[in-house]
PDB file of N, CA and C in Angstrom:
ATOM      1  N   UNK A   1      10.001  47.286-133.562  1.00  0.00           N
ATOM      2  CA  UNK A   1      10.654  48.545-133.994  1.00  0.00           C
ATOM      3  C   UNK A   1       9.514  49.247-134.678  1.00  0.00           C
ATOM      4  N   UNK A   2       9.382  50.555-134.364  1.00  0.00           N
ATOM      5  CA  UNK A   2       8.402  51.368-135.054  1.00  0.00           C
ATOM      6  C   UNK A   2       8.711  51.772-136.423  1.00  0.00           C
ATOM      7  N   UNK A   3       7.553  51.966-137.238  1.00  0.00           N
ATOM      8  CA  UNK A   3       7.618  52.204-138.560  1.00  0.00           C
ATOM      9  C   UNK A   3       6.903  53.605-138.813  1.00  0.00           C
ATOM     10  N   UNK A   4       7.240  54.242-139.788  1.00  0.00           N
ATOM     11  CA  UNK A   4       6.394  55.529-140.057  1.00  0.00           C
ATOM     12  C   UNK A   4       5.975  55.669-141.535  1.00  0.00           C
ATOM     13  N   UNK A   5       4.596  56.095-141.754  1.00  0.00           N
ATOM     14  CA  UNK A   5       4.068  56.150-143.052  1.00  0.00           C
ATOM     15  C   UNK A   5       4.112  57.605-143.179  1.00  0.00           C
ATOM     16  N   UNK A   6       4.819  57.875-144.363  1.00  0.00           N
ATOM     17  CA  UNK A   6       4.883  59.207-144.697  1.00  0.00           C
ATOM     18  C   UNK A   6       4.138  59.507-145.978  1.00  0.00           C
ATOM     19  N   UNK A   7       3.409  60.703-145.887  1.00  0.00           N
ATOM     20  CA  UNK A   7       2.526  61.098-147.055  1.00  0.00           C
ATOM     21  C   UNK A   7       3.151  62.532-147.472  1.00  0.00           C
ATOM     22  N   UNK A   8       3.589  62.533-148.619  1.00  0.00           N
ATOM     23  CA  UNK A   8       4.227  63.850-149.142  1.00  0.00           C
ATOM     24  C   UNK A   8       3.180  64.318-150.261  1.00  0.00           C
ATOM     25  N   UNK A   9       2.492  65.451-150.062  1.00  0.00           N
ATOM     26  CA  UNK A   9       1.585  65.977-151.033  1.00  0.00           C
ATOM     27  C   UNK A   9       2.228  66.895-151.969  1.00  0.00           C
ATOM     28  N   UNK A  10       2.259  66.464-153.058  1.00  0.00           N
ATOM     29  CA  UNK A  10       2.967  67.178-154.275  1.00  0.00           C
ATOM     30  C   UNK A  10       2.161  68.404-154.758  1.00  0.00           C
ATOM     31  N   UNK A  11       0.791  68.067-155.133  1.00  0.00           N
ATOM     32  CA  UNK A  11       0.034  69.218-155.588  1.00  0.00           C
ATOM     33  C   UNK A  11      -1.344  68.642-155.382  1.00  0.00           C
ATOM     34  N   UNK A  12      -2.283  69.658-155.022  1.00  0.00           N
ATOM     35  CA  UNK A  12      -3.658  69.394-154.917  1.00  0.00           C
ATOM     36  C   UNK A  12      -4.323  69.847-156.381  1.00  0.00           C
ATOM     37  N   UNK A  13      -5.208  68.734-156.742  1.00  0.00           N
ATOM     38  CA  UNK A  13      -5.943  69.001-158.016  1.00  0.00           C
ATOM     39  C   UNK A  13      -7.466  69.435-157.861  1.00  0.00           C
ATOM     40  N   UNK A  14      -8.013  68.861-156.511  1.00  0.00           N
ATOM     41  CA  UNK A  14      -9.516  69.149-156.255  1.00  0.00           C
ATOM     42  C   UNK A  14      -9.603  69.325-154.754  1.00  0.00           C
ATOM     43  N   UNK A  15      -9.882  70.543-154.440  1.00  0.00           N
ATOM     44  CA  UNK A  15     -10.146  70.719-152.953  1.00  0.00           C
ATOM     45  C   UNK A  15     -11.421  70.110-152.549  1.00  0.00           C
ATOM     46  N   UNK A  16     -12.413  69.879-153.233  1.00  0.00           N
ATOM     47  CA  UNK A  16     -13.542  69.082-153.024  1.00  0.00           C
ATOM     48  C   UNK A  16     -13.175  67.720-152.650  1.00  0.00           C
ATOM     49  N   UNK A  17     -12.416  67.042-153.534  1.00  0.00           N
ATOM     50  CA  UNK A  17     -12.155  65.615-153.388  1.00  0.00           C
ATOM     51  C   UNK A  17     -11.319  65.517-152.044  1.00  0.00           C
ATOM     52  N   UNK A  18     -10.368  66.502-152.008  1.00  0.00           N
ATOM     53  CA  UNK A  18      -9.491  66.420-150.655  1.00  0.00           C
ATOM     54  C   UNK A  18     -10.484  66.444-149.330  1.00  0.00           C
ATOM     55  N   UNK A  19     -11.559  67.381-149.461  1.00  0.00           N
ATOM     56  CA  UNK A  19     -12.464  67.489-148.191  1.00  0.00           C
ATOM     57  C   UNK A  19     -13.188  66.199-148.135  1.00  0.00           C
ATOM     58  N   UNK A  20     -13.539  65.637-149.060  1.00  0.00           N
ATOM     59  CA  UNK A  20     -14.247  64.132-148.856  1.00  0.00           C
ATOM     60  C   UNK A  20     -13.207  63.162-148.287  1.00  0.00           C
ATOM     61  N   UNK A  21     -12.020  63.367-148.765  1.00  0.00           N
ATOM     62  CA  UNK A  21     -10.998  62.587-148.092  1.00  0.00           C
ATOM     63  C   UNK A  21     -10.850  62.749-146.524  1.00  0.00           C
ATOM     64  N   UNK A  22     -10.746  63.998-146.310  1.00  0.00           N
ATOM     65  CA  UNK A  22     -10.707  64.473-144.867  1.00  0.00           C
ATOM     66  C   UNK A  22     -11.707  63.935-144.115  1.00  0.00           C
ATOM     67  N   UNK A  23     -12.983  63.882-144.626  1.00  0.00           N
ATOM     68  CA  UNK A  23     -14.187  63.455-143.801  1.00  0.00           C
ATOM     69  C   UNK A  23     -14.000  61.936-143.589  1.00  0.00           C
ATOM     70  N   UNK A  24     -13.580  61.132-144.622  1.00  0.00           N
ATOM     71  CA  UNK A  24     -13.525  59.763-144.549  1.00  0.00           C
ATOM     72  C   UNK A  24     -12.232  58.973-143.759  1.00  0.00           C
ATOM     73  N   UNK A  25     -11.181  59.762-143.831  1.00  0.00           N
ATOM     74  CA  UNK A  25     -10.000  59.145-143.442  1.00  0.00           C
ATOM     75  C   UNK A  25      -9.908  59.173-141.713  1.00  0.00           C
ATOM     76  N   UNK A  26     -10.601  59.973-141.146  1.00  0.00           N
ATOM     77  CA  UNK A  26     -10.716  59.850-139.744  1.00  0.00           C
ATOM     78  C   UNK A  26     -11.396  58.518-139.320  1.00  0.00           C
ATOM     79  N   UNK A  27     -12.625  58.344-140.014  1.00  0.00           N
ATOM     80  CA  UNK A  27     -13.304  57.197-139.815  1.00  0.00           C
ATOM     81  C   UNK A  27     -12.507  55.764-139.972  1.00  0.00           C
ATOM     82  N   UNK A  28     -11.590  55.953-140.904  1.00  0.00           N
ATOM     83  CA  UNK A  28     -10.692  54.852-141.260  1.00  0.00           C
ATOM     84  C   UNK A  28      -9.946  54.396-140.337  1.00  0.00           C
ATOM     85  N   UNK A  29      -9.573  55.305-139.162  1.00  0.00           N
ATOM     86  CA  UNK A  29      -8.608  54.780-138.047  1.00  0.00           C
ATOM     87  C   UNK A  29      -9.082  53.597-137.346  1.00  0.00           C
ATOM     88  N   UNK A  30     -10.385  53.435-137.224  1.00  0.00           N
ATOM     89  CA  UNK A  30     -10.785  52.420-136.502  1.00  0.00           C
ATOM     90  C   UNK A  30     -10.112  51.907-135.288  1.00  0.00           C
ATOM     91  N   UNK A  31      -9.698  50.743-135.136  1.00  0.00           N
ATOM     92  CA  UNK A  31      -9.062  50.225-133.939  1.00  0.00           C
ATOM     93  C   UNK A  31      -7.311  50.017-134.108  1.00  0.00           C
ATOM     94  N   UNK A  32      -7.038  50.704-135.386  1.00  0.00           N
ATOM     95  CA  UNK A  32      -5.530  50.453-135.740  1.00  0.00           C
ATOM     96  C   UNK A  32      -4.556  51.204-134.864  1.00  0.00           C
ATOM     97  N   UNK A  33      -3.522  50.660-134.583  1.00  0.00           N
ATOM     98  CA  UNK A  33      -2.520  51.119-133.648  1.00  0.00           C
ATOM     99  C   UNK A  33      -1.688  52.090-134.497  1.00  0.00           C
ATOM    100  N   UNK A  34      -2.083  53.381-134.585  1.00  0.00           N
ATOM    101  CA  UNK A  34      -1.344  54.300-135.299  1.00  0.00           C
ATOM    102  C   UNK A  34      -1.463  55.751-134.476  1.00  0.00           C
ATOM    103  N   UNK A  35      -0.348  56.338-134.500  1.00  0.00           N
ATOM    104  CA  UNK A  35      -0.144  57.655-133.678  1.00  0.00           C
ATOM    105  C   UNK A  35       0.273  58.826-134.704  1.00  0.00           C
ATOM    106  N   UNK A  36      -0.545  59.748-134.975  1.00  0.00           N
ATOM    107  CA  UNK A  36      -0.151  60.845-135.809  1.00  0.00           C
ATOM    108  C   UNK A  36       0.851  61.788-135.248  1.00  0.00           C
ATOM    109  N   UNK A  37       1.862  61.982-136.035  1.00  0.00           N
ATOM    110  CA  UNK A  37       3.039  62.753-135.314  1.00  0.00           C
ATOM    111  C   UNK A  37       3.163  64.098-136.214  1.00  0.00           C
ATOM    112  N   UNK A  38       2.908  64.204-137.598  1.00  0.00           N
ATOM    113  CA  UNK A  38       2.961  65.553-138.003  1.00  0.00           C
ATOM    114  C   UNK A  38       1.762  65.483-139.092  1.00  0.00           C
ATOM    115  N   UNK A  39       1.083  66.660-138.948  1.00  0.00           N
ATOM    116  CA  UNK A  39      -0.129  66.824-139.954  1.00  0.00           C
ATOM    117  C   UNK A  39       0.053  68.191-140.566  1.00  0.00           C
ATOM    118  N   UNK A  40       0.798  68.295-141.626  1.00  0.00           N
ATOM    119  CA  UNK A  40       0.766  69.361-142.526  1.00  0.00           C
ATOM    120  C   UNK A  40       1.012  70.695-141.741  1.00  0.00           C
ATOM    121  N   UNK A  41       2.318  70.549-140.952  1.00  0.00           N
ATOM    122  CA  UNK A  41       2.808  71.845-140.333  1.00  0.00           C
ATOM    123  C   UNK A  41       3.373  72.687-141.301  1.00  0.00           C
ATOM    124  N   UNK A  42       4.066  73.779-140.726  1.00  0.00           N
ATOM    125  CA  UNK A  42       4.874  74.677-141.377  1.00  0.00           C
ATOM    126  C   UNK A  42       5.860  73.843-142.126  1.00  0.00           C
ATOM    127  N   UNK A  43       6.214  74.167-143.434  1.00  0.00           N
ATOM    128  CA  UNK A  43       7.106  73.338-144.175  1.00  0.00           C
ATOM    129  C   UNK A  43       8.192  74.197-144.764  1.00  0.00           C
ATOM    130  N   UNK A  44       9.464  73.708-144.755  1.00  0.00           N
ATOM    131  CA  UNK A  44      10.489  74.638-145.356  1.00  0.00           C
ATOM    132  C   UNK A  44      11.178  73.292-146.207  1.00  0.00           C
ATOM    133  N   UNK A  45      11.258  73.275-147.406  1.00  0.00           N
ATOM    134  CA  UNK A  45      11.853  72.511-148.148  1.00  0.00           C
ATOM    135  C   UNK A  45      13.192  72.846-148.478  1.00  0.00           C
ATOM    136  N   UNK A  46      14.176  71.949-148.226  1.00  0.00           N
ATOM    137  CA  UNK A  46      15.578  72.450-148.381  1.00  0.00           C
ATOM    138  C   UNK A  46      16.394  71.811-149.701  1.00  0.00           C
ATOM    139  N   UNK A  47      15.654  70.728-150.034  1.00  0.00           N
ATOM    140  CA  UNK A  47      16.145  70.135-151.207  1.00  0.00           C
ATOM    141  C   UNK A  47      15.109  69.428-151.971  1.00  0.00           C
ATOM    142  N   UNK A  48      15.147  69.385-153.389  1.00  0.00           N
ATOM    143  CA  UNK A  48      14.165  68.562-153.999  1.00  0.00           C
ATOM    144  C   UNK A  48      13.147  69.493-154.604  1.00  0.00           C
ATOM    145  N   UNK A  49      11.977  68.895-155.353  1.00  0.00           N
ATOM    146  CA  UNK A  49      11.181  69.773-155.631  1.00  0.00           C
ATOM    147  C   UNK A  49      10.184  70.304-154.734  1.00  0.00           C
ATOM    148  N   UNK A  50       9.161  71.030-155.043  1.00  0.00           N
ATOM    149  CA  UNK A  50       8.132  71.620-154.050  1.00  0.00           C
ATOM    150  C   UNK A  50       7.308  70.620-153.532  1.00  0.00           C
ATOM    151  N   UNK A  51       6.734  70.803-152.273  1.00  0.00           N
ATOM    152  CA  UNK A  51       5.656  69.865-151.937  1.00  0.00           C
ATOM    153  C   UNK A  51       4.760  70.744-151.132  1.00  0.00           C
ATOM    154  N   UNK A  52       3.484  70.411-151.041  1.00  0.00           N
ATOM    155  CA  UNK A  52       2.376  71.238-150.451  1.00  0.00           C
ATOM    156  C   UNK A  52       2.311  71.032-148.803  1.00  0.00           C
ATOM    157  N   UNK A  53       2.369  69.648-148.629  1.00  0.00           N
ATOM    158  CA  UNK A  53       2.202  69.133-147.096  1.00  0.00           C
ATOM    159  C   UNK A  53       2.895  67.844-146.873  1.00  0.00           C
ATOM    160  N   UNK A  54       2.994  67.598-145.540  1.00  0.00           N
ATOM    161  CA  UNK A  54       3.410  66.245-145.051  1.00  0.00           C
ATOM    162  C   UNK A  54       2.556  65.733-144.004  1.00  0.00           C
ATOM    163  N   UNK A  55       2.338  64.565-144.098  1.00  0.00           N
ATOM    164  CA  UNK A  55       1.638  63.707-142.829  1.00  0.00           C
ATOM    165  C   UNK A  55       2.593  62.583-142.470  1.00  0.00           C
ATOM    166  N   UNK A  56       2.872  62.471-141.378  1.00  0.00           N
ATOM    167  CA  UNK A  56       3.681  61.336-140.893  1.00  0.00           C
ATOM    168  C   UNK A  56       2.827  60.512-139.710  1.00  0.00           C
ATOM    169  N   UNK A  57       2.479  59.265-139.827  1.00  0.00           N
ATOM    170  CA  UNK A  57       1.896  58.373-138.905  1.00  0.00           C
ATOM    171  C   UNK A  57       2.953  57.302-138.452  1.00  0.00           C
ATOM    172  N   UNK A  58       2.853  57.156-137.092  1.00  0.00           N
ATOM    173  CA  UNK A  58       3.678  55.939-136.493  1.00  0.00           C
ATOM    174  C   UNK A  58       2.818  54.867-136.105  1.00  0.00           C
ATOM    175  N   UNK A  59       3.516  53.627-136.608  1.00  0.00           N
ATOM    176  CA  UNK A  59       2.913  52.350-136.243  1.00  0.00           C
ATOM    177  C   UNK A  59       3.882  51.441-135.633  1.00  0.00           C
ATOM    178  N   UNK A  60       3.366  50.599-134.730  1.00  0.00           N
ATOM    179  CA  UNK A  60       4.172  49.546-134.035  1.00  0.00           C
ATOM    180  C   UNK A  60       5.051  48.710-135.055  1.00  0.00           C
ATOM    181  N   UNK A  61       4.524  48.293-136.256  1.00  0.00           N
ATOM    182  CA  UNK A  61       5.131  47.382-137.080  1.00  0.00           C
ATOM    183  C   UNK A  61       4.476  47.810-138.528  1.00  0.00           C
ATOM    184  N   UNK A  62       5.519  47.276-139.635  1.00  0.00           N
ATOM    185  CA  UNK A  62       5.213  47.532-140.982  1.00  0.00           C
ATOM    186  C   UNK A  62       3.713  46.702-141.338  1.00  0.00           C
ATOM    187  N   UNK A  63       3.529  45.627-140.644  1.00  0.00           N
ATOM    188  CA  UNK A  63       2.370  44.937-140.914  1.00  0.00           C
ATOM    189  C   UNK A  63       1.073  45.754-140.516  1.00  0.00           C
ATOM    190  N   UNK A  64       1.251  46.229-139.247  1.00  0.00           N
ATOM    191  CA  UNK A  64       0.043  47.144-138.850  1.00  0.00           C
ATOM    192  C   UNK A  64      -0.109  48.385-139.853  1.00  0.00           C
ATOM    193  N   UNK A  65       1.005  49.070-140.245  1.00  0.00           N
ATOM    194  CA  UNK A  65       0.782  50.000-141.166  1.00  0.00           C
ATOM    195  C   UNK A  65       0.140  49.506-142.429  1.00  0.00           C
ATOM    196  N   UNK A  66       0.563  48.495-142.878  1.00  0.00           N
ATOM    197  CA  UNK A  66       0.038  47.875-144.233  1.00  0.00           C
ATOM    198  C   UNK A  66      -1.513  47.520-144.086  1.00  0.00           C
ATOM    199  N   UNK A  67      -1.780  47.066-142.872  1.00  0.00           N
ATOM    200  CA  UNK A  67      -3.140  46.584-142.374  1.00  0.00           C
ATOM    201  C   UNK A  67      -4.100  47.651-142.443  1.00  0.00           C
ATOM    202  N   UNK A  68      -3.539  49.149-142.017  1.00  0.00           N
ATOM    203  CA  UNK A  68      -4.548  50.065-142.013  1.00  0.00           C
ATOM    204  C   UNK A  68      -4.658  50.694-143.413  1.00  0.00           C
ATOM    205  N   UNK A  69      -3.517  50.801-144.242  1.00  0.00           N
ATOM    206  CA  UNK A  69      -3.424  51.268-145.558  1.00  0.00           C
ATOM    207  C   UNK A  69      -4.393  50.402-146.447  1.00  0.00           C
ATOM    208  N   UNK A  70      -4.494  49.124-146.156  1.00  0.00           N
ATOM    209  CA  UNK A  70      -4.943  48.157-147.109  1.00  0.00           C
ATOM    210  C   UNK A  70      -6.529  47.797-146.570  1.00  0.00           C
ATOM    211  N   UNK A  71      -6.904  48.491-145.480  1.00  0.00           N
ATOM    212  CA  UNK A  71      -8.181  48.432-145.027  1.00  0.00           C
ATOM    213  C   UNK A  71      -9.278  48.756-145.879  1.00  0.00           C
ATOM    214  N   UNK A  72     -10.381  48.216-145.914  1.00  0.00           N
ATOM    215  CA  UNK A  72     -11.565  48.703-146.705  1.00  0.00           C
ATOM    216  C   UNK A  72     -11.957  50.212-146.431  1.00  0.00           C
ATOM    217  N   UNK A  73     -11.764  50.493-145.046  1.00  0.00           N
ATOM    218  CA  UNK A  73     -12.244  51.860-144.717  1.00  0.00           C
ATOM    219  C   UNK A  73     -11.239  53.030-145.326  1.00  0.00           C
ATOM    220  N   UNK A  74     -10.017  52.612-145.236  1.00  0.00           N
ATOM    221  CA  UNK A  74      -9.014  53.560-145.877  1.00  0.00           C
ATOM    222  C   UNK A  74      -9.111  53.667-147.504  1.00  0.00           C
ATOM    223  N   UNK A  75      -9.259  52.382-148.055  1.00  0.00           N
ATOM    224  CA  UNK A  75      -9.317  52.399-149.351  1.00  0.00           C
ATOM    225  C   UNK A  75     -10.416  53.139-149.927  1.00  0.00           C
ATOM    226  N   UNK A  76     -11.467  53.253-149.270  1.00  0.00           N
ATOM    227  CA  UNK A  76     -12.681  54.027-149.600  1.00  0.00           C
ATOM    228  C   UNK A  76     -12.202  55.623-149.749  1.00  0.00           C
ATOM    229  N   UNK A  77     -11.414  55.852-148.503  1.00  0.00           N
ATOM    230  CA  UNK A  77     -10.984  57.410-148.588  1.00  0.00           C
ATOM    231  C   UNK A  77     -10.078  57.571-149.545  1.00  0.00           C
ATOM    232  N   UNK A  78      -8.998  56.639-149.780  1.00  0.00           N
ATOM    233  CA  UNK A  78      -7.913  56.899-150.598  1.00  0.00           C
ATOM    234  C   UNK A  78      -8.463  57.080-152.061  1.00  0.00           C
ATOM    235  N   UNK A  79      -9.548  56.698-152.470  1.00  0.00           N
ATOM    236  CA  UNK A  79     -10.112  57.179-153.713  1.00  0.00           C
ATOM    237  C   UNK A  79     -10.205  58.716-153.839  1.00  0.00           C
ATOM    238  N   UNK A  80     -10.637  59.272-152.857  1.00  0.00           N
ATOM    239  CA  UNK A  80     -10.794  60.594-152.856  1.00  0.00           C
ATOM    240  C   UNK A  80      -9.460  61.386-152.872  1.00  0.00           C
ATOM    241  N   UNK A  81      -8.500  60.836-152.059  1.00  0.00           N
ATOM    242  CA  UNK A  81      -7.269  61.542-152.036  1.00  0.00           C
ATOM    243  C   UNK A  81      -6.532  61.290-153.480  1.00  0.00           C
ATOM    244  N   UNK A  82      -6.746  60.207-154.025  1.00  0.00           N
ATOM    245  CA  UNK A  82      -5.942  60.137-155.419  1.00  0.00           C
ATOM    246  C   UNK A  82      -6.537  60.978-156.512  1.00  0.00           C
ATOM    247  N   UNK A  83      -7.961  61.162-156.223  1.00  0.00           N
ATOM    248  CA  UNK A  83      -8.624  62.242-157.094  1.00  0.00           C
ATOM    249  C   UNK A  83      -8.442  63.529-156.989  1.00  0.00           C
ATOM    250  N   UNK A  84      -7.915  63.898-155.750  1.00  0.00           N
ATOM    251  CA  UNK A  84      -7.822  65.263-155.314  1.00  0.00           C
ATOM    252  C   UNK A  84      -6.567  65.762-155.384  1.00  0.00           C
ATOM    253  N   UNK A  85      -5.474  64.874-155.265  1.00  0.00           N
ATOM    254  CA  UNK A  85      -4.031  65.243-155.093  1.00  0.00           C
ATOM    255  C   UNK A  85      -3.097  64.251-155.563  1.00  0.00           C
ATOM    256  N   UNK A  86      -1.837  64.636-155.787  1.00  0.00           N
ATOM    257  CA  UNK A  86      -0.764  63.764-156.132  1.00  0.00           C
ATOM    258  C   UNK A  86       0.054  63.697-155.082  1.00  0.00           C
ATOM    259  N   UNK A  87       0.351  62.438-154.423  1.00  0.00           N
ATOM    260  CA  UNK A  87       1.083  62.219-153.191  1.00  0.00           C
ATOM    261  C   UNK A  87       2.172  61.264-153.651  1.00  0.00           C
ATOM    262  N   UNK A  88       3.169  61.363-152.774  1.00  0.00           N
ATOM    263  CA  UNK A  88       4.211  60.058-152.673  1.00  0.00           C
ATOM    264  C   UNK A  88       4.014  59.703-151.242  1.00  0.00           C
ATOM    265  N   UNK A  89       3.848  58.179-151.097  1.00  0.00           N
ATOM    266  CA  UNK A  89       3.472  57.611-149.741  1.00  0.00           C
ATOM    267  C   UNK A  89       4.550  56.313-149.672  1.00  0.00           C
ATOM    268  N   UNK A  90       5.088  56.438-148.459  1.00  0.00           N
ATOM    269  CA  UNK A  90       6.131  55.339-148.113  1.00  0.00           C
ATOM    270  C   UNK A  90       5.956  54.884-146.829  1.00  0.00           C
ATOM    271  N   UNK A  91       6.715  53.640-146.371  1.00  0.00           N
ATOM    272  CA  UNK A  91       6.748  53.286-145.090  1.00  0.00           C
ATOM    273  C   UNK A  91       8.233  53.253-144.887  1.00  0.00           C
ATOM    274  N   UNK A  92       8.703  53.752-143.680  1.00  0.00           N
ATOM    275  CA  UNK A  92      10.178  53.580-143.508  1.00  0.00           C
ATOM    276  C   UNK A  92      10.368  53.173-141.904  1.00  0.00           C
ATOM    277  N   UNK A  93      11.358  52.190-141.776  1.00  0.00           N
ATOM    278  CA  UNK A  93      11.511  51.844-140.409  1.00  0.00           C
ATOM    279  C   UNK A  93      12.190  52.809-139.485  1.00  0.00           C
ATOM    280  N   UNK A  94      11.937  52.815-138.478  1.00  0.00           N
ATOM    281  CA  UNK A  94      12.779  53.753-137.345  1.00  0.00           C
ATOM    282  C   UNK A  94      13.715  52.966-136.661  1.00  0.00           C
ATOM    283  N   UNK A  95      14.296  53.703-135.834  1.00  0.00           N
ATOM    284  CA  UNK A  95      15.347  52.713-135.005  1.00  0.00           C
ATOM    285  C   UNK A  95      14.529  52.256-133.730  1.00  0.00           C
ATOM    286  N   UNK A  96      15.056  51.145-133.322  1.00  0.00           N
ATOM    287  CA  UNK A  96      14.318  50.507-132.118  1.00  0.00           C
ATOM    288  C   UNK A  96      14.935  51.097-130.775  1.00  0.00           C
TER     289      UNK A  96
END
């Protein structure tokens, strides 16, 4: 069953930190089985508070999603994302 990791950017606090995150996150992909599905496309929030952007990544399993998120390479990038923005991030199962 595929799972999806969803990143909702609520607010950008530092464009410089987000630029560093952008530089490092690509290298964090490594050999992880991930497929980017959505990358900050046009957004129309119908309910809830405002958000600035959404990224959705597909993984074959929740374990593979966590392996990428917990990897040393992503954790290095994550420091810059956390310094540069407020996000909500979660993993959700898809239908098989």
